[in-house]
């Protein structure tokens, strides 16, 4: 859970959307944050924490398989 909180704190620097998450089978999506606005350093940190940019989804969103499964 600590890594998820770290990732969310990084993303919080780039916005505070009212409904920030979307879940589908085995995937957690962070919506309302434009990945192109996230610094390279923070994108790399998010990658280490289990999030990557899914460019095929609504112009690009951060997603995680690590936190999308129980």
PDB file of N, CA and C in Angstrom:
ATOM      1  N   UNK A   1       0.825  -1.186   0.000  1.00  0.00           N
ATOM      2  CA  UNK A   1       0.000   0.000   0.000  1.00  0.00           C
ATOM      3  C   UNK A   1       0.872   1.255   0.000  1.00  0.00           C
ATOM      4  N   UNK A   2       2.047   1.173   0.595  1.00  0.00           N
ATOM      5  CA  UNK A   2       2.938   2.327   0.650  1.00  0.00           C
ATOM      6  C   UNK A   2       3.308   2.819  -0.751  1.00  0.00           C
ATOM      7  N   UNK A   3       3.578   1.885  -1.673  1.00  0.00           N
ATOM      8  CA  UNK A   3       3.937   2.284  -3.029  1.00  0.00           C
ATOM      9  C   UNK A   3       2.773   2.960  -3.747  1.00  0.00           C
ATOM     10  N   UNK A   4       1.564   2.493  -3.517  1.00  0.00           N
ATOM     11  CA  UNK A   4       0.380   3.128  -4.110  1.00  0.00           C
ATOM     12  C   UNK A   4       0.226   4.552  -3.595  1.00  0.00           C
ATOM     13  N   UNK A   5       0.415   4.751  -2.312  1.00  0.00           N
ATOM     14  CA  UNK A   5       0.311   6.093  -1.726  1.00  0.00           C
ATOM     15  C   UNK A   5       1.402   7.004  -2.278  1.00  0.00           C
ATOM     16  N   UNK A   6       2.618   6.488  -2.426  1.00  0.00           N
ATOM     17  CA  UNK A   6       3.691   7.292  -3.013  1.00  0.00           C
ATOM     18  C   UNK A   6       3.332   7.720  -4.437  1.00  0.00           C
ATOM     19  N   UNK A   7       2.799   6.785  -5.221  1.00  0.00           N
ATOM     20  CA  UNK A   7       2.417   7.095  -6.602  1.00  0.00           C
ATOM     21  C   UNK A   7       1.311   8.151  -6.632  1.00  0.00           C
ATOM     22  N   UNK A   8       0.322   8.003  -5.791  1.00  0.00           N
ATOM     23  CA  UNK A   8      -0.772   8.976  -5.764  1.00  0.00           C
ATOM     24  C   UNK A   8      -0.282  10.354  -5.328  1.00  0.00           C
ATOM     25  N   UNK A   9       0.668  10.412  -4.412  1.00  0.00           N
ATOM     26  CA  UNK A   9       1.228  11.705  -3.994  1.00  0.00           C
ATOM     27  C   UNK A   9       2.004  12.371  -5.127  1.00  0.00           C
ATOM     28  N   UNK A  10       2.695  11.581  -5.931  1.00  0.00           N
ATOM     29  CA  UNK A  10       3.375  12.147  -7.098  1.00  0.00           C
ATOM     30  C   UNK A  10       2.333  12.724  -8.049  1.00  0.00           C
ATOM     31  N   UNK A  11       1.304  11.964  -8.349  1.00  0.00           N
ATOM     32  CA  UNK A  11       0.273  12.405  -9.291  1.00  0.00           C
ATOM     33  C   UNK A  11      -0.510  13.607  -8.775  1.00  0.00           C
ATOM     34  N   UNK A  12      -0.653  13.724  -7.482  1.00  0.00           N
ATOM     35  CA  UNK A  12      -1.377  14.851  -6.886  1.00  0.00           C
ATOM     36  C   UNK A  12      -0.737  16.190  -7.240  1.00  0.00           C
ATOM     37  N   UNK A  13       0.574  16.190  -7.487  1.00  0.00           N
ATOM     38  CA  UNK A  13       1.254  17.427  -7.886  1.00  0.00           C
ATOM     39  C   UNK A  13       0.740  17.955  -9.223  1.00  0.00           C
ATOM     40  N   UNK A  14       0.095  17.090 -10.013  1.00  0.00           N
ATOM     41  CA  UNK A  14      -0.326  17.452 -11.366  1.00  0.00           C
ATOM     42  C   UNK A  14      -1.844  17.617 -11.501  1.00  0.00           C
ATOM     43  N   UNK A  15      -2.535  17.550 -10.413  1.00  0.00           N
ATOM     44  CA  UNK A  15      -3.977  17.756 -10.449  1.00  0.00           C
ATOM     45  C   UNK A  15      -4.664  17.003  -9.330  1.00  0.00           C
ATOM     46  N   UNK A  16      -5.892  17.364  -9.106  1.00  0.00           N
ATOM     47  CA  UNK A  16      -6.685  16.748  -8.048  1.00  0.00           C
ATOM     48  C   UNK A  16      -8.089  16.483  -8.587  1.00  0.00           C
ATOM     49  N   UNK A  17      -8.216  15.555  -9.569  1.00  0.00           N
ATOM     50  CA  UNK A  17      -9.525  15.319 -10.166  1.00  0.00           C
ATOM     51  C   UNK A  17     -10.519  14.768  -9.157  1.00  0.00           C
ATOM     52  N   UNK A  18     -11.775  15.107  -9.385  1.00  0.00           N
ATOM     53  CA  UNK A  18     -12.832  14.695  -8.459  1.00  0.00           C
ATOM     54  C   UNK A  18     -12.992  13.170  -8.430  1.00  0.00           C
ATOM     55  N   UNK A  19     -12.918  12.528  -9.592  1.00  0.00           N
ATOM     56  CA  UNK A  19     -13.009  11.072  -9.689  1.00  0.00           C
ATOM     57  C   UNK A  19     -11.745  10.567 -10.374  1.00  0.00           C
ATOM     58  N   UNK A  20     -10.677  10.302  -9.610  1.00  0.00           N
ATOM     59  CA  UNK A  20      -9.360  10.061 -10.204  1.00  0.00           C
ATOM     60  C   UNK A  20      -9.082   8.634 -10.655  1.00  0.00           C
ATOM     61  N   UNK A  21      -9.923   7.681 -10.319  1.00  0.00           N
ATOM     62  CA  UNK A  21      -9.589   6.299 -10.645  1.00  0.00           C
ATOM     63  C   UNK A  21     -10.704   5.605 -11.409  1.00  0.00           C
ATOM     64  N   UNK A  22     -10.276   4.608 -12.154  1.00  0.00           N
ATOM     65  CA  UNK A  22     -11.197   3.724 -12.876  1.00  0.00           C
ATOM     66  C   UNK A  22     -10.571   2.342 -12.830  1.00  0.00           C
ATOM     67  N   UNK A  23     -11.356   1.348 -12.484  1.00  0.00           N
ATOM     68  CA  UNK A  23     -10.847  -0.025 -12.433  1.00  0.00           C
ATOM     69  C   UNK A  23     -11.580  -0.900 -13.438  1.00  0.00           C
ATOM     70  N   UNK A  24     -10.811  -1.736 -14.078  1.00  0.00           N
ATOM     71  CA  UNK A  24     -11.335  -2.810 -14.906  1.00  0.00           C
ATOM     72  C   UNK A  24     -10.591  -4.059 -14.487  1.00  0.00           C
ATOM     73  N   UNK A  25     -10.970  -5.174 -15.038  1.00  0.00           N
ATOM     74  CA  UNK A  25     -10.344  -6.436 -14.662  1.00  0.00           C
ATOM     75  C   UNK A  25      -8.818  -6.334 -14.746  1.00  0.00           C
ATOM     76  N   UNK A  26      -8.176  -6.454 -13.609  1.00  0.00           N
ATOM     77  CA  UNK A  26      -6.712  -6.461 -13.478  1.00  0.00           C
ATOM     78  C   UNK A  26      -6.019  -5.150 -13.821  1.00  0.00           C
ATOM     79  N   UNK A  27      -6.742  -4.046 -13.895  1.00  0.00           N
ATOM     80  CA  UNK A  27      -6.098  -2.771 -14.240  1.00  0.00           C
ATOM     81  C   UNK A  27      -6.708  -1.626 -13.442  1.00  0.00           C
ATOM     82  N   UNK A  28      -5.831  -0.778 -12.903  1.00  0.00           N
ATOM     83  CA  UNK A  28      -6.234   0.457 -12.232  1.00  0.00           C
ATOM     84  C   UNK A  28      -5.784   1.612 -13.114  1.00  0.00           C
ATOM     85  N   UNK A  29      -6.717   2.476 -13.469  1.00  0.00           N
ATOM     86  CA  UNK A  29      -6.426   3.639 -14.297  1.00  0.00           C
ATOM     87  C   UNK A  29      -6.520   4.900 -13.447  1.00  0.00           C
ATOM     88  N   UNK A  30      -5.601   5.824 -13.657  1.00  0.00           N
ATOM     89  CA  UNK A  30      -5.667   7.149 -13.048  1.00  0.00           C
ATOM     90  C   UNK A  30      -6.102   8.101 -14.152  1.00  0.00           C
ATOM     91  N   UNK A  31      -7.260   8.695 -13.992  1.00  0.00           N
ATOM     92  CA  UNK A  31      -7.808   9.573 -15.022  1.00  0.00           C
ATOM     93  C   UNK A  31      -7.820  11.010 -14.520  1.00  0.00           C
ATOM     94  N   UNK A  32      -7.797  11.934 -15.451  1.00  0.00           N
ATOM     95  CA  UNK A  32      -7.831  13.346 -15.089  1.00  0.00           C
ATOM     96  C   UNK A  32      -6.456  13.962 -14.892  1.00  0.00           C
ATOM     97  N   UNK A  33      -5.404  13.187 -15.115  1.00  0.00           N
ATOM     98  CA  UNK A  33      -4.025  13.686 -15.052  1.00  0.00           C
ATOM     99  C   UNK A  33      -3.429  13.497 -16.443  1.00  0.00           C
ATOM    100  N   UNK A  34      -2.978  14.563 -17.062  1.00  0.00           N
ATOM    101  CA  UNK A  34      -2.393  14.495 -18.398  1.00  0.00           C
ATOM    102  C   UNK A  34      -0.945  14.012 -18.296  1.00  0.00           C
ATOM    103  N   UNK A  35      -0.647  12.816 -18.801  1.00  0.00           N
ATOM    104  CA  UNK A  35       0.717  12.289 -18.690  1.00  0.00           C
ATOM    105  C   UNK A  35       1.775  13.180 -19.338  1.00  0.00           C
ATOM    106  N   UNK A  36       1.406  13.953 -20.343  1.00  0.00           N
ATOM    107  CA  UNK A  36       2.388  14.815 -20.996  1.00  0.00           C
ATOM    108  C   UNK A  36       2.837  15.970 -20.099  1.00  0.00           C
ATOM    109  N   UNK A  37       2.108  16.239 -19.052  1.00  0.00           N
ATOM    110  CA  UNK A  37       2.456  17.308 -18.112  1.00  0.00           C
ATOM    111  C   UNK A  37       3.321  16.805 -16.954  1.00  0.00           C
ATOM    112  N   UNK A  38       3.437  15.493 -16.819  1.00  0.00           N
ATOM    113  CA  UNK A  38       4.203  14.895 -15.722  1.00  0.00           C
ATOM    114  C   UNK A  38       5.676  14.858 -16.123  1.00  0.00           C
ATOM    115  N   UNK A  39       6.542  15.326 -15.240  1.00  0.00           N
ATOM    116  CA  UNK A  39       7.973  15.394 -15.548  1.00  0.00           C
ATOM    117  C   UNK A  39       8.540  13.997 -15.830  1.00  0.00           C
ATOM    118  N   UNK A  40       9.637  13.972 -16.557  1.00  0.00           N
ATOM    119  CA  UNK A  40      10.306  12.714 -16.844  1.00  0.00           C
ATOM    120  C   UNK A  40      10.761  12.004 -15.587  1.00  0.00           C
ATOM    121  N   UNK A  41      11.228  12.782 -14.631  1.00  0.00           N
ATOM    122  CA  UNK A  41      11.668  12.216 -13.355  1.00  0.00           C
ATOM    123  C   UNK A  41      10.503  11.555 -12.622  1.00  0.00           C
ATOM    124  N   UNK A  42       9.360  12.234 -12.588  1.00  0.00           N
ATOM    125  CA  UNK A  42       8.191  11.660 -11.907  1.00  0.00           C
ATOM    126  C   UNK A  42       7.624  10.472 -12.681  1.00  0.00           C
ATOM    127  N   UNK A  43       7.671  10.527 -14.016  1.00  0.00           N
ATOM    128  CA  UNK A  43       7.210   9.396 -14.818  1.00  0.00           C
ATOM    129  C   UNK A  43       8.072   8.167 -14.538  1.00  0.00           C
ATOM    130  N   UNK A  44       9.372   8.362 -14.410  1.00  0.00           N
ATOM    131  CA  UNK A  44      10.278   7.255 -14.086  1.00  0.00           C
ATOM    132  C   UNK A  44       9.991   6.708 -12.689  1.00  0.00           C
ATOM    133  N   UNK A  45       9.736   7.595 -11.733  1.00  0.00           N
ATOM    134  CA  UNK A  45       9.412   7.161 -10.369  1.00  0.00           C
ATOM    135  C   UNK A  45       8.106   6.377 -10.364  1.00  0.00           C
ATOM    136  N   UNK A  46       7.126   6.846 -11.128  1.00  0.00           N
ATOM    137  CA  UNK A  46       5.848   6.141 -11.213  1.00  0.00           C
ATOM    138  C   UNK A  46       6.035   4.756 -11.827  1.00  0.00           C
ATOM    139  N   UNK A  47       6.898   4.658 -12.817  1.00  0.00           N
ATOM    140  CA  UNK A  47       7.188   3.368 -13.432  1.00  0.00           C
ATOM    141  C   UNK A  47       7.766   2.395 -12.403  1.00  0.00           C
ATOM    142  N   UNK A  48       8.670   2.873 -11.585  1.00  0.00           N
ATOM    143  CA  UNK A  48       9.254   2.030 -10.536  1.00  0.00           C
ATOM    144  C   UNK A  48       8.208   1.605  -9.508  1.00  0.00           C
ATOM    145  N   UNK A  49       7.178   2.420  -9.344  1.00  0.00           N
ATOM    146  CA  UNK A  49       6.118   2.117  -8.384  1.00  0.00           C
ATOM    147  C   UNK A  49       4.996   1.266  -8.989  1.00  0.00           C
ATOM    148  N   UNK A  50       5.082   0.978 -10.284  1.00  0.00           N
ATOM    149  CA  UNK A  50       4.102   0.087 -10.898  1.00  0.00           C
ATOM    150  C   UNK A  50       3.104   0.745 -11.832  1.00  0.00           C
ATOM    151  N   UNK A  51       3.319   2.012 -12.181  1.00  0.00           N
ATOM    152  CA  UNK A  51       2.417   2.715 -13.095  1.00  0.00           C
ATOM    153  C   UNK A  51       3.146   3.030 -14.396  1.00  0.00           C
ATOM    154  N   UNK A  52       2.439   2.925 -15.499  1.00  0.00           N
ATOM    155  CA  UNK A  52       2.989   3.279 -16.803  1.00  0.00           C
ATOM    156  C   UNK A  52       1.921   4.027 -17.586  1.00  0.00           C
ATOM    157  N   UNK A  53       2.332   4.653 -18.677  1.00  0.00           N
ATOM    158  CA  UNK A  53       1.393   5.419 -19.496  1.00  0.00           C
ATOM    159  C   UNK A  53       0.779   4.499 -20.541  1.00  0.00           C
ATOM    160  N   UNK A  54      -0.540   4.418 -20.545  1.00  0.00           N
ATOM    161  CA  UNK A  54      -1.293   3.691 -21.564  1.00  0.00           C
ATOM    162  C   UNK A  54      -1.758   4.727 -22.578  1.00  0.00           C
ATOM    163  N   UNK A  55      -1.068   4.839 -23.682  1.00  0.00           N
ATOM    164  CA  UNK A  55      -1.371   5.855 -24.690  1.00  0.00           C
ATOM    165  C   UNK A  55      -2.560   5.472 -25.567  1.00  0.00           C
ATOM    166  N   UNK A  56      -3.010   4.239 -25.484  1.00  0.00           N
ATOM    167  CA  UNK A  56      -4.153   3.782 -26.282  1.00  0.00           C
ATOM    168  C   UNK A  56      -5.482   4.116 -25.627  1.00  0.00           C
ATOM    169  N   UNK A  57      -5.447   4.666 -24.448  1.00  0.00           N
ATOM    170  CA  UNK A  57      -6.662   4.905 -23.684  1.00  0.00           C
ATOM    171  C   UNK A  57      -6.896   6.399 -23.512  1.00  0.00           C
ATOM    172  N   UNK A  58      -7.904   6.915 -24.171  1.00  0.00           N
ATOM    173  CA  UNK A  58      -8.340   8.308 -24.015  1.00  0.00           C
ATOM    174  C   UNK A  58      -7.200   9.314 -24.112  1.00  0.00           C
ATOM    175  N   UNK A  59      -6.312   9.126 -25.064  1.00  0.00           N
ATOM    176  CA  UNK A  59      -5.220  10.073 -25.258  1.00  0.00           C
ATOM    177  C   UNK A  59      -4.056   9.895 -24.308  1.00  0.00           C
ATOM    178  N   UNK A  60      -4.130   8.960 -23.419  1.00  0.00           N
ATOM    179  CA  UNK A  60      -3.042   8.686 -22.495  1.00  0.00           C
ATOM    180  C   UNK A  60      -3.452   8.833 -21.047  1.00  0.00           C
ATOM    181  N   UNK A  61      -3.309   7.756 -20.319  1.00  0.00           N
ATOM    182  CA  UNK A  61      -3.598   7.745 -18.881  1.00  0.00           C
ATOM    183  C   UNK A  61      -2.536   6.887 -18.197  1.00  0.00           C
ATOM    184  N   UNK A  62      -2.357   7.099 -16.921  1.00  0.00           N
ATOM    185  CA  UNK A  62      -1.498   6.217 -16.147  1.00  0.00           C
ATOM    186  C   UNK A  62      -2.319   4.997 -15.749  1.00  0.00           C
ATOM    187  N   UNK A  63      -1.677   3.849 -15.843  1.00  0.00           N
ATOM    188  CA  UNK A  63      -2.360   2.629 -15.418  1.00  0.00           C
ATOM    189  C   UNK A  63      -1.391   1.700 -14.716  1.00  0.00           C
ATOM    190  N   UNK A  64      -1.962   0.747 -14.000  1.00  0.00           N
ATOM    191  CA  UNK A  64      -1.161  -0.219 -13.265  1.00  0.00           C
ATOM    192  C   UNK A  64      -1.857  -1.565 -13.254  1.00  0.00           C
ATOM    193  N   UNK A  65      -1.113  -2.601 -13.581  1.00  0.00           N
ATOM    194  CA  UNK A  65      -1.613  -3.953 -13.369  1.00  0.00           C
ATOM    195  C   UNK A  65      -1.300  -4.389 -11.941  1.00  0.00           C
ATOM    196  N   UNK A  66      -0.260  -3.822 -11.368  1.00  0.00           N
ATOM    197  CA  UNK A  66       0.149  -4.171 -10.010  1.00  0.00           C
ATOM    198  C   UNK A  66      -0.949  -3.860  -8.996  1.00  0.00           C
ATOM    199  N   UNK A  67      -1.599  -2.711  -9.167  1.00  0.00           N
ATOM    200  CA  UNK A  67      -2.626  -2.306  -8.208  1.00  0.00           C
ATOM    201  C   UNK A  67      -4.034  -2.559  -8.717  1.00  0.00           C
ATOM    202  N   UNK A  68      -4.143  -3.196  -9.897  1.00  0.00           N
ATOM    203  CA  UNK A  68      -5.463  -3.465 -10.454  1.00  0.00           C
ATOM    204  C   UNK A  68      -5.983  -4.843 -10.101  1.00  0.00           C
ATOM    205  N   UNK A  69      -5.169  -5.655  -9.461  1.00  0.00           N
ATOM    206  CA  UNK A  69      -5.559  -7.018  -9.110  1.00  0.00           C
ATOM    207  C   UNK A  69      -5.577  -7.202  -7.606  1.00  0.00           C
ATOM    208  N   UNK A  70      -6.420  -8.086  -7.178  1.00  0.00           N
ATOM    209  CA  UNK A  70      -6.465  -8.402  -5.752  1.00  0.00           C
ATOM    210  C   UNK A  70      -5.810  -9.744  -5.518  1.00  0.00           C
TER     211      UNK A  70
END
